[in-house]
Amino acid sequence: MKKLYFLIAIFTIVLHACTKEKELDVDDVPDSLQQHMTEGCTCDPRIGLFKWNERVLYVHWYIGPACNTISSYYNEEGGKLDLTAEEQNLFWEQKELVKMIWVCGE
């Protein structure tokens, strides 16, 4: 009987661990970021929503090791932000991920 309870408990844990998070509605993502989602997967692009310096920012960046690319920063409404080099360095050191919006190929 203990084995049956154990198997039911394991099955329940596995079932809950495998449930997907609610899919992000593309309509919730500003148009300026949706354009990046159609560019292809060269250099492993990503889009995330971050909290930094009491602001919420969308960031489009690449993680491909052989790629020399520049990250793009956007405000909550999707307006492009021009951060100085110092601000960009501080961002990557101090940021807090709120939500991963998009990873190419996933």
Protein backbone atom coordinates (compact mmCIF):
# COMPACT_ATOMS: atom_id res chain seq x y z
CA MET A 1 0.00 0.00 0.00
CA LYS A 2 2.87 2.38 0.80
CA LYS A 3 4.28 1.76 -2.67
CA LEU A 4 0.97 2.77 -4.24
CA TYR A 5 0.88 6.04 -2.28
CA PHE A 6 4.50 6.66 -3.19
CA LEU A 7 3.80 6.11 -6.90
CA ILE A 8 0.76 8.41 -6.79
CA ALA A 9 2.82 11.11 -5.07
CA ILE A 10 5.63 10.82 -7.63
CA PHE A 11 3.13 10.91 -10.51
CA THR A 12 1.48 14.04 -9.06
CA ILE A 13 4.81 15.81 -8.64
CA VAL A 14 5.90 14.95 -12.18
CA LEU A 15 2.55 16.05 -13.59
CA HIS A 16 2.75 19.46 -11.91
CA ALA A 17 6.42 19.91 -12.79
CA CYS A 18 5.69 19.39 -16.47
CA THR A 19 2.82 21.83 -16.82
CA LYS A 20 3.68 24.71 -19.12
CA GLU A 21 3.50 28.31 -18.09
CA LYS A 22 0.86 30.40 -19.76
CA GLU A 23 2.05 31.33 -23.23
CA LEU A 24 2.82 35.00 -23.73
CA ASP A 25 0.25 36.67 -25.94
CA VAL A 26 2.15 38.30 -28.80
CA ASP A 27 -0.30 41.21 -28.67
CA ASP A 28 1.15 42.08 -25.24
CA VAL A 29 4.60 42.66 -26.76
CA PRO A 30 5.24 46.09 -28.33
CA ASP A 31 5.47 46.12 -32.15
CA SER A 32 9.09 47.28 -32.06
CA LEU A 33 10.00 44.02 -30.30
CA GLN A 34 7.75 41.79 -32.39
CA GLN A 35 9.86 42.75 -35.42
CA HIS A 36 12.90 41.10 -33.79
CA MET A 37 10.97 37.85 -33.39
CA THR A 38 10.84 37.38 -37.16
CA GLU A 39 14.51 38.01 -37.97
CA GLY A 40 15.79 34.44 -37.65
CA CYS A 41 17.99 32.64 -35.15
CA THR A 42 21.48 33.72 -36.19
CA CYS A 43 23.56 34.45 -33.08
CA ASP A 44 20.86 33.11 -30.69
CA PRO A 45 18.71 36.23 -30.16
CA ARG A 46 16.57 36.73 -27.04
CA ILE A 47 14.11 39.24 -25.65
CA GLY A 48 13.60 39.72 -21.94
CA LEU A 49 11.73 42.01 -19.62
CA PHE A 50 13.99 43.36 -16.88
CA LYS A 51 13.76 45.59 -13.84
CA TRP A 52 16.70 47.95 -13.45
CA ASN A 53 17.26 51.31 -11.81
CA GLU A 54 13.59 51.54 -10.78
CA ARG A 55 12.52 51.07 -14.42
CA VAL A 56 11.15 48.22 -16.47
CA LEU A 57 12.99 47.62 -19.73
CA TYR A 58 12.66 45.25 -22.64
CA VAL A 59 16.05 44.11 -23.94
CA HIS A 60 16.85 42.38 -27.22
CA TRP A 61 20.28 40.73 -27.12
CA TYR A 62 22.30 37.88 -28.60
CA ILE A 63 24.30 35.16 -26.87
CA GLY A 64 26.11 33.63 -29.86
CA PRO A 65 29.81 33.38 -28.85
CA ALA A 66 31.12 34.11 -32.36
CA CYS A 67 28.89 37.13 -32.90
CA ASN A 68 29.79 40.77 -32.39
CA THR A 69 26.37 42.31 -31.73
CA ILE A 70 24.87 45.20 -29.80
CA SER A 71 21.94 44.90 -27.40
CA SER A 72 18.84 47.04 -27.94
CA TYR A 73 16.96 48.59 -25.03
CA TYR A 74 13.28 49.60 -24.99
CA ASN A 75 10.92 51.21 -22.48
CA GLU A 76 7.64 49.60 -21.38
CA GLU A 77 5.81 51.00 -24.40
CA GLY A 78 8.44 49.74 -26.85
CA GLY A 79 10.22 53.05 -27.43
CA LYS A 80 13.93 52.65 -28.12
CA LEU A 81 16.28 53.82 -25.38
CA ASP A 82 19.85 55.00 -25.93
CA LEU A 83 21.88 53.97 -22.91
CA THR A 84 25.46 55.15 -22.54
CA ALA A 85 28.21 52.54 -22.41
CA GLU A 86 28.43 53.04 -18.64
CA GLU A 87 24.66 52.59 -18.24
CA GLN A 88 24.79 49.42 -20.33
CA ASN A 89 27.55 47.98 -18.15
CA LEU A 90 25.61 48.85 -15.01
CA PHE A 91 22.46 47.33 -16.48
CA TRP A 92 24.12 43.96 -17.10
CA GLU A 93 25.61 43.99 -13.59
CA GLN A 94 22.47 45.05 -11.69
CA LYS A 95 19.48 43.86 -13.74
CA GLU A 96 16.71 41.64 -12.42
CA LEU A 97 14.92 39.39 -14.90
CA VAL A 98 11.16 39.81 -14.67
CA LYS A 99 10.25 37.54 -17.55
CA MET A 100 11.90 35.94 -20.55
CA ILE A 101 9.74 37.09 -23.46
CA TRP A 102 11.28 35.20 -26.37
CA VAL A 103 14.15 32.84 -27.12
CA CYS A 104 14.64 32.06 -30.79
CA GLY A 105 13.94 28.43 -31.61
CA GLU A 106 11.93 27.69 -28.47
